[in-house]
Amino acid sequence: HPVQTLKETIELMWLYKINYVHLHLSDN
């Protein structure tokens, strides 16, 4: 996920008052 996409996602959460973004950082 590019940094810009993650920033857009964070802005979406902010607009609708979602206070956490959980990042699944590792997998198989």
PDB file of all heavy atoms in Angstrom:
ATOM      1  N   HIS A   1       0.850  -1.192   0.000  1.00  0.00           N
ATOM      2  CA  HIS A   1       0.000   0.000   0.000  1.00  0.00           C
ATOM      3  C   HIS A   1       0.881   1.236   0.000  1.00  0.00           C
ATOM      4  O   HIS A   1       1.647   1.445   0.950  1.00  0.00           O
ATOM      5  CB  HIS A   1      -0.919   0.011   1.227  1.00  0.00           C
ATOM      6  CG  HIS A   1      -2.051  -0.953   1.146  1.00  0.00           C
ATOM      7  ND1 HIS A   1      -1.859  -2.316   1.023  1.00  0.00           N
ATOM      8  CD2 HIS A   1      -3.396  -0.761   1.157  1.00  0.00           C
ATOM      9  CE1 HIS A   1      -3.042  -2.911   0.962  1.00  0.00           C
ATOM     10  NE2 HIS A   1      -3.980  -1.996   1.039  1.00  0.00           N
ATOM     11  N   PRO A   2       0.798   2.060  -1.030  1.00  0.00           N
ATOM     12  CA  PRO A   2       1.608   3.279  -1.065  1.00  0.00           C
ATOM     13  C   PRO A   2       1.283   4.203   0.105  1.00  0.00           C
ATOM     14  O   PRO A   2       0.168   4.186   0.644  1.00  0.00           O
ATOM     15  CB  PRO A   2       1.212   3.928  -2.403  1.00  0.00           C
ATOM     16  CG  PRO A   2       0.639   2.817  -3.225  1.00  0.00           C
ATOM     17  CD  PRO A   2      -0.021   1.898  -2.244  1.00  0.00           C
ATOM     18  N   VAL A   3       2.248   5.017   0.466  1.00  0.00           N
ATOM     19  CA  VAL A   3       2.055   5.972   1.557  1.00  0.00           C
ATOM     20  C   VAL A   3       0.857   6.875   1.281  1.00  0.00           C
ATOM     21  O   VAL A   3       0.051   7.163   2.172  1.00  0.00           O
ATOM     22  CB  VAL A   3       3.336   6.804   1.783  1.00  0.00           C
ATOM     23  CG1 VAL A   3       3.060   7.985   2.721  1.00  0.00           C
ATOM     24  CG2 VAL A   3       4.448   5.931   2.351  1.00  0.00           C
ATOM     25  N   GLN A   4       0.714   7.318   0.032  1.00  0.00           N
ATOM     26  CA  GLN A   4      -0.381   8.224  -0.300  1.00  0.00           C
ATOM     27  C   GLN A   4      -1.743   7.565  -0.083  1.00  0.00           C
ATOM     28  O   GLN A   4      -2.687   8.200   0.406  1.00  0.00           O
ATOM     29  CB  GLN A   4      -0.263   8.709  -1.746  1.00  0.00           C
ATOM     30  CG  GLN A   4      -1.345   9.686  -2.181  1.00  0.00           C
ATOM     31  CD  GLN A   4      -1.399  10.935  -1.305  1.00  0.00           C
ATOM     32  OE1 GLN A   4      -0.364  11.407  -0.837  1.00  0.00           O
ATOM     33  NE2 GLN A   4      -2.597  11.458  -1.076  1.00  0.00           N
ATOM     34  N   THR A   5      -1.863   6.282  -0.439  1.00  0.00           N
ATOM     35  CA  THR A   5      -3.123   5.568  -0.209  1.00  0.00           C
ATOM     36  C   THR A   5      -3.438   5.495   1.276  1.00  0.00           C
ATOM     37  O   THR A   5      -4.588   5.680   1.694  1.00  0.00           O
ATOM     38  CB  THR A   5      -3.042   4.148  -0.782  1.00  0.00           C
ATOM     39  OG1 THR A   5      -2.821   4.217  -2.185  1.00  0.00           O
ATOM     40  CG2 THR A   5      -4.332   3.379  -0.516  1.00  0.00           C
ATOM     41  N   LEU A   6      -2.425   5.246   2.089  1.00  0.00           N
ATOM     42  CA  LEU A   6      -2.638   5.185   3.535  1.00  0.00           C
ATOM     43  C   LEU A   6      -3.036   6.546   4.081  1.00  0.00           C
ATOM     44  O   LEU A   6      -3.877   6.639   4.988  1.00  0.00           O
ATOM     45  CB  LEU A   6      -1.378   4.662   4.221  1.00  0.00           C
ATOM     46  CG  LEU A   6      -1.041   3.198   3.909  1.00  0.00           C
ATOM     47  CD1 LEU A   6       0.301   2.807   4.513  1.00  0.00           C
ATOM     48  CD2 LEU A   6      -2.137   2.263   4.418  1.00  0.00           C
ATOM     49  N   LYS A   7      -2.471   7.613   3.528  1.00  0.00           N
ATOM     50  CA  LYS A   7      -2.864   8.950   3.958  1.00  0.00           C
ATOM     51  C   LYS A   7      -4.323   9.228   3.593  1.00  0.00           C
ATOM     52  O   LYS A   7      -5.076   9.812   4.388  1.00  0.00           O
ATOM     53  CB  LYS A   7      -1.947  10.006   3.345  1.00  0.00           C
ATOM     54  CG  LYS A   7      -0.559  10.059   3.974  1.00  0.00           C
ATOM     55  CD  LYS A   7       0.275  11.179   3.391  1.00  0.00           C
ATOM     56  CE  LYS A   7       1.620  11.284   4.098  1.00  0.00           C
ATOM     57  NZ  LYS A   7       2.450  12.396   3.547  1.00  0.00           N
ATOM     58  N   GLU A   8      -4.734   8.824   2.410  1.00  0.00           N
ATOM     59  CA  GLU A   8      -6.132   9.003   2.007  1.00  0.00           C
ATOM     60  C   GLU A   8      -7.061   8.225   2.940  1.00  0.00           C
ATOM     61  O   GLU A   8      -8.138   8.717   3.324  1.00  0.00           O
ATOM     62  CB  GLU A   8      -6.320   8.540   0.569  1.00  0.00           C
ATOM     63  CG  GLU A   8      -5.641   9.434  -0.463  1.00  0.00           C
ATOM     64  CD  GLU A   8      -5.671   8.840  -1.862  1.00  0.00           C
ATOM     65  OE1 GLU A   8      -6.171   7.703  -2.016  1.00  0.00           O
ATOM     66  OE2 GLU A   8      -5.189   9.511  -2.792  1.00  0.00           O
ATOM     67  N   THR A   9      -6.643   7.024   3.313  1.00  0.00           N
ATOM     68  CA  THR A   9      -7.439   6.212   4.232  1.00  0.00           C
ATOM     69  C   THR A   9      -7.558   6.890   5.585  1.00  0.00           C
ATOM     70  O   THR A   9      -8.645   6.935   6.189  1.00  0.00           O
ATOM     71  CB  THR A   9      -6.793   4.823   4.392  1.00  0.00           C
ATOM     72  OG1 THR A   9      -6.651   4.201   3.112  1.00  0.00           O
ATOM     73  CG2 THR A   9      -7.648   3.930   5.280  1.00  0.00           C
ATOM     74  N   ILE A  10      -6.461   7.436   6.081  1.00  0.00           N
ATOM     75  CA  ILE A  10      -6.479   8.149   7.367  1.00  0.00           C
ATOM     76  C   ILE A  10      -7.412   9.346   7.299  1.00  0.00           C
ATOM     77  O   ILE A  10      -8.187   9.611   8.231  1.00  0.00           O
ATOM     78  CB  ILE A  10      -5.053   8.579   7.746  1.00  0.00           C
ATOM     79  CG1 ILE A  10      -4.198   7.349   8.093  1.00  0.00           C
ATOM     80  CG2 ILE A  10      -5.068   9.562   8.911  1.00  0.00           C
ATOM     81  CD1 ILE A  10      -2.711   7.629   8.170  1.00  0.00           C
ATOM     82  N   GLU A  11      -7.379  10.076   6.198  1.00  0.00           N
ATOM     83  CA  GLU A  11      -8.273  11.239   6.053  1.00  0.00           C
ATOM     84  C   GLU A  11      -9.736  10.818   6.034  1.00  0.00           C
ATOM     85  O   GLU A  11     -10.593  11.515   6.590  1.00  0.00           O
ATOM     86  CB  GLU A  11      -7.925  12.005   4.778  1.00  0.00           C
ATOM     87  CG  GLU A  11      -6.690  12.878   4.912  1.00  0.00           C
ATOM     88  CD  GLU A  11      -6.611  13.941   3.840  1.00  0.00           C
ATOM     89  OE1 GLU A  11      -6.672  13.576   2.655  1.00  0.00           O
ATOM     90  OE2 GLU A  11      -6.494  15.122   4.198  1.00  0.00           O
ATOM     91  N   LEU A  12     -10.016   9.683   5.403  1.00  0.00           N
ATOM     92  CA  LEU A  12     -11.394   9.173   5.410  1.00  0.00           C
ATOM     93  C   LEU A  12     -11.835   8.869   6.834  1.00  0.00           C
ATOM     94  O   LEU A  12     -12.960   9.206   7.238  1.00  0.00           O
ATOM     95  CB  LEU A  12     -11.482   7.917   4.542  1.00  0.00           C
ATOM     96  CG  LEU A  12     -12.857   7.244   4.470  1.00  0.00           C
ATOM     97  CD1 LEU A  12     -13.830   8.111   3.685  1.00  0.00           C
ATOM     98  CD2 LEU A  12     -12.744   5.865   3.841  1.00  0.00           C
ATOM     99  N   MET A  13     -10.958   8.245   7.608  1.00  0.00           N
ATOM    100  CA  MET A  13     -11.296   7.926   8.994  1.00  0.00           C
ATOM    101  C   MET A  13     -11.535   9.207   9.797  1.00  0.00           C
ATOM    102  O   MET A  13     -12.470   9.288  10.603  1.00  0.00           O
ATOM    103  CB  MET A  13     -10.168   7.123   9.658  1.00  0.00           C
ATOM    104  CG  MET A  13      -9.823   5.819   8.978  1.00  0.00           C
ATOM    105  SD  MET A  13     -11.233   4.731   8.752  1.00  0.00           S
ATOM    106  CE  MET A  13     -11.139   4.471   6.974  1.00  0.00           C
ATOM    107  N   TRP A  14     -10.675  10.188   9.600  1.00  0.00           N
ATOM    108  CA  TRP A  14     -10.832  11.459  10.319  1.00  0.00           C
ATOM    109  C   TRP A  14     -12.166  12.124   9.994  1.00  0.00           C
ATOM    110  O   TRP A  14     -12.863  12.611  10.895  1.00  0.00           O
ATOM    111  CB  TRP A  14      -9.665  12.381   9.942  1.00  0.00           C
ATOM    112  CG  TRP A  14      -9.871  13.807  10.361  1.00  0.00           C
ATOM    113  CD1 TRP A  14     -10.041  14.282  11.625  1.00  0.00           C
ATOM    114  CD2 TRP A  14      -9.935  14.940   9.495  1.00  0.00           C
ATOM    115  NE1 TRP A  14     -10.198  15.657  11.613  1.00  0.00           N
ATOM    116  CE2 TRP A  14     -10.141  16.078  10.311  1.00  0.00           C
ATOM    117  CE3 TRP A  14      -9.820  15.107   8.110  1.00  0.00           C
ATOM    118  CZ2 TRP A  14     -10.243  17.366   9.779  1.00  0.00           C
ATOM    119  CZ3 TRP A  14      -9.922  16.384   7.589  1.00  0.00           C
ATOM    120  CH2 TRP A  14     -10.130  17.497   8.421  1.00  0.00           C
ATOM    121  N   LEU A  15     -12.537  12.141   8.728  1.00  0.00           N
ATOM    122  CA  LEU A  15     -13.770  12.803   8.320  1.00  0.00           C
ATOM    123  C   LEU A  15     -14.980  12.211   9.034  1.00  0.00           C
ATOM    124  O   LEU A  15     -15.927  12.924   9.374  1.00  0.00           O
ATOM    125  CB  LEU A  15     -13.949  12.684   6.800  1.00  0.00           C
ATOM    126  CG  LEU A  15     -15.144  13.407   6.200  1.00  0.00           C
ATOM    127  CD1 LEU A  15     -15.023  14.908   6.381  1.00  0.00           C
ATOM    128  CD2 LEU A  15     -15.276  13.066   4.718  1.00  0.00           C
ATOM    129  N   TYR A  16     -14.932  10.886   9.299  1.00  0.00           N
ATOM    130  CA  TYR A  16     -16.076  10.218   9.924  1.00  0.00           C
ATOM    131  C   TYR A  16     -15.807   9.825  11.379  1.00  0.00           C
ATOM    132  O   TYR A  16     -16.507   8.988  11.931  1.00  0.00           O
ATOM    133  CB  TYR A  16     -16.476   8.992   9.099  1.00  0.00           C
ATOM    134  CG  TYR A  16     -16.973   9.380   7.734  1.00  0.00           C
ATOM    135  CD1 TYR A  16     -16.259   9.034   6.591  1.00  0.00           C
ATOM    136  CD2 TYR A  16     -18.139  10.119   7.590  1.00  0.00           C
ATOM    137  CE1 TYR A  16     -16.701   9.418   5.335  1.00  0.00           C
ATOM    138  CE2 TYR A  16     -18.592  10.496   6.344  1.00  0.00           C
ATOM    139  CZ  TYR A  16     -17.872  10.143   5.211  1.00  0.00           C
ATOM    140  OH  TYR A  16     -18.317  10.519   3.980  1.00  0.00           O
ATOM    141  N   LYS A  17     -14.754  10.413  11.977  1.00  0.00           N
ATOM    142  CA  LYS A  17     -14.495  10.261  13.411  1.00  0.00           C
ATOM    143  C   LYS A  17     -14.197   8.818  13.815  1.00  0.00           C
ATOM    144  O   LYS A  17     -14.578   8.361  14.916  1.00  0.00           O
ATOM    145  CB  LYS A  17     -15.649  10.836  14.231  1.00  0.00           C
ATOM    146  CG  LYS A  17     -15.899  12.317  13.933  1.00  0.00           C
ATOM    147  CD  LYS A  17     -17.099  12.850  14.671  1.00  0.00           C
ATOM    148  CE  LYS A  17     -17.326  14.327  14.370  1.00  0.00           C
ATOM    149  NZ  LYS A  17     -17.566  14.621  12.947  1.00  0.00           N
ATOM    150  N   ILE A  18     -13.507   8.091  12.968  1.00  0.00           N
ATOM    151  CA  ILE A  18     -12.975   6.781  13.324  1.00  0.00           C
ATOM    152  C   ILE A  18     -11.609   7.025  13.948  1.00  0.00           C
ATOM    153  O   ILE A  18     -10.697   7.514  13.281  1.00  0.00           O
ATOM    154  CB  ILE A  18     -12.846   5.880  12.078  1.00  0.00           C
ATOM    155  CG1 ILE A  18     -14.209   5.721  11.393  1.00  0.00           C
ATOM    156  CG2 ILE A  18     -12.251   4.533  12.446  1.00  0.00           C
ATOM    157  CD1 ILE A  18     -15.279   5.106  12.246  1.00  0.00           C
ATOM    158  N   ASN A  19     -11.457   6.706  15.228  1.00  0.00           N
ATOM    159  CA  ASN A  19     -10.260   7.158  15.930  1.00  0.00           C
ATOM    160  C   ASN A  19      -9.064   6.224  15.861  1.00  0.00           C
ATOM    161  O   ASN A  19      -7.967   6.607  16.277  1.00  0.00           O
ATOM    162  CB  ASN A  19     -10.583   7.488  17.401  1.00  0.00           C
ATOM    163  CG  ASN A  19     -11.250   6.353  18.150  1.00  0.00           C
ATOM    164  OD1 ASN A  19     -11.731   5.405  17.563  1.00  0.00           O
ATOM    165  ND2 ASN A  19     -11.279   6.451  19.464  1.00  0.00           N
ATOM    166  N   TYR A  20      -9.248   5.003  15.320  1.00  0.00           N
ATOM    167  CA  TYR A  20      -8.113   4.092  15.200  1.00  0.00           C
ATOM    168  C   TYR A  20      -8.044   3.478  13.805  1.00  0.00           C
ATOM    169  O   TYR A  20      -9.076   3.165  13.201  1.00  0.00           O
ATOM    170  CB  TYR A  20      -8.203   2.958  16.224  1.00  0.00           C
ATOM    171  CG  TYR A  20      -8.069   3.412  17.656  1.00  0.00           C
ATOM    172  CD1 TYR A  20      -9.170   3.388  18.520  1.00  0.00           C
ATOM    173  CD2 TYR A  20      -6.859   3.874  18.150  1.00  0.00           C
ATOM    174  CE1 TYR A  20      -9.054   3.806  19.837  1.00  0.00           C
ATOM    175  CE2 TYR A  20      -6.728   4.302  19.473  1.00  0.00           C
ATOM    176  CZ  TYR A  20      -7.831   4.267  20.302  1.00  0.00           C
ATOM    177  OH  TYR A  20      -7.718   4.691  21.604  1.00  0.00           O
ATOM    178  N   VAL A  21      -6.824   3.313  13.308  1.00  0.00           N
ATOM    179  CA  VAL A  21      -6.558   2.510  12.120  1.00  0.00           C
ATOM    180  C   VAL A  21      -5.583   1.411  12.536  1.00  0.00           C
ATOM    181  O   VAL A  21      -4.460   1.686  12.958  1.00  0.00           O
ATOM    182  CB  VAL A  21      -5.952   3.337  10.972  1.00  0.00           C
ATOM    183  CG1 VAL A  21      -5.546   2.426   9.812  1.00  0.00           C
ATOM    184  CG2 VAL A  21      -6.946   4.389  10.487  1.00  0.00           C
ATOM    185  N   HIS A  22      -6.048   0.187  12.472  1.00  0.00           N
ATOM    186  CA  HIS A  22      -5.275  -0.994  12.860  1.00  0.00           C
ATOM    187  C   HIS A  22      -4.530  -1.487  11.624  1.00  0.00           C
ATOM    188  O   HIS A  22      -5.127  -1.760  10.583  1.00  0.00           O
ATOM    189  CB  HIS A  22      -6.260  -2.031  13.405  1.00  0.00           C
ATOM    190  CG  HIS A  22      -5.716  -3.403  13.590  1.00  0.00           C
ATOM    191  ND1 HIS A  22      -6.509  -4.451  14.002  1.00  0.00           N
ATOM    192  CD2 HIS A  22      -4.480  -3.939  13.437  1.00  0.00           C
ATOM    193  CE1 HIS A  22      -5.793  -5.552  14.084  1.00  0.00           C
ATOM    194  NE2 HIS A  22      -4.551  -5.268  13.741  1.00  0.00           N
ATOM    195  N   LEU A  23      -3.198  -1.599  11.731  1.00  0.00           N
ATOM    196  CA  LEU A  23      -2.356  -1.993  10.604  1.00  0.00           C
ATOM    197  C   LEU A  23      -1.841  -3.411  10.802  1.00  0.00           C
ATOM    198  O   LEU A  23      -1.065  -3.690  11.725  1.00  0.00           O
ATOM    199  CB  LEU A  23      -1.174  -1.029  10.470  1.00  0.00           C
ATOM    200  CG  LEU A  23      -1.530   0.434  10.203  1.00  0.00           C
ATOM    201  CD1 LEU A  23      -0.311   1.323  10.404  1.00  0.00           C
ATOM    202  CD2 LEU A  23      -2.096   0.602   8.794  1.00  0.00           C
ATOM    203  N   HIS A  24      -2.294  -4.318   9.947  1.00  0.00           N
ATOM    204  CA  HIS A  24      -1.801  -5.700   9.953  1.00  0.00           C
ATOM    205  C   HIS A  24      -0.471  -5.709   9.198  1.00  0.00           C
ATOM    206  O   HIS A  24      -0.426  -5.736   7.967  1.00  0.00           O
ATOM    207  CB  HIS A  24      -2.832  -6.603   9.274  1.00  0.00           C
ATOM    208  CG  HIS A  24      -2.489  -8.058   9.280  1.00  0.00           C
ATOM    209  ND1 HIS A  24      -2.562  -8.832  10.418  1.00  0.00           N
ATOM    210  CD2 HIS A  24      -2.065  -8.883   8.281  1.00  0.00           C
ATOM    211  CE1 HIS A  24      -2.215 -10.077  10.118  1.00  0.00           C
ATOM    212  NE2 HIS A  24      -1.908 -10.132   8.837  1.00  0.00           N
ATOM    213  N   LEU A  25       0.635  -5.666   9.957  1.00  0.00           N
ATOM    214  CA  LEU A  25       1.955  -5.390   9.382  1.00  0.00           C
ATOM    215  C   LEU A  25       2.716  -6.616   8.920  1.00  0.00           C
ATOM    216  O   LEU A  25       3.678  -6.490   8.141  1.00  0.00           O
ATOM    217  CB  LEU A  25       2.815  -4.646  10.412  1.00  0.00           C
ATOM    218  CG  LEU A  25       2.356  -3.238  10.801  1.00  0.00           C
ATOM    219  CD1 LEU A  25       3.159  -2.744  12.002  1.00  0.00           C
ATOM    220  CD2 LEU A  25       2.525  -2.278   9.622  1.00  0.00           C
ATOM    221  N   SER A  26       2.371  -7.798   9.393  1.00  0.00           N
ATOM    222  CA  SER A  26       3.146  -8.992   9.031  1.00  0.00           C
ATOM    223  C   SER A  26       2.225 -10.169   8.781  1.00  0.00           C
ATOM    224  O   SER A  26       1.182 -10.311   9.418  1.00  0.00           O
ATOM    225  CB  SER A  26       4.142  -9.335  10.147  1.00  0.00           C
ATOM    226  OG  SER A  26       3.473  -9.713  11.338  1.00  0.00           O
ATOM    227  N   ASP A  27       2.644 -11.024   7.834  1.00  0.00           N
ATOM    228  CA  ASP A  27       1.905 -12.235   7.543  1.00  0.00           C
ATOM    229  C   ASP A  27       2.855 -13.231   6.897  1.00  0.00           C
ATOM    230  O   ASP A  27       4.065 -13.000   6.843  1.00  0.00           O
ATOM    231  CB  ASP A  27       0.690 -11.945   6.658  1.00  0.00           C
ATOM    232  CG  ASP A  27      -0.475 -12.864   6.990  1.00  0.00           C
ATOM    233  OD1 ASP A  27      -0.437 -14.038   6.566  1.00  0.00           O
ATOM    234  OD2 ASP A  27      -1.409 -12.435   7.691  1.00  0.00           O
ATOM    235  N   ASN A  28       2.317 -14.316   6.373  1.00  0.00           N
ATOM    236  CA  ASN A  28       3.157 -15.411   5.909  1.00  0.00           C
ATOM    237  C   ASN A  28       4.131 -15.040   4.798  1.00  0.00           C
ATOM    238  O   ASN A  28       5.223 -15.594   4.720  1.00  0.00           O
ATOM    239  CB  ASN A  28       2.280 -16.581   5.438  1.00  0.00           C
ATOM    240  CG  ASN A  28       1.720 -17.378   6.599  1.00  0.00           C
ATOM    241  OD1 ASN A  28       2.389 -17.572   7.601  1.00  0.00           O
ATOM    242  ND2 ASN A  28       0.483 -17.812   6.468  1.00  0.00           N
TER     243      ASN A  28
END
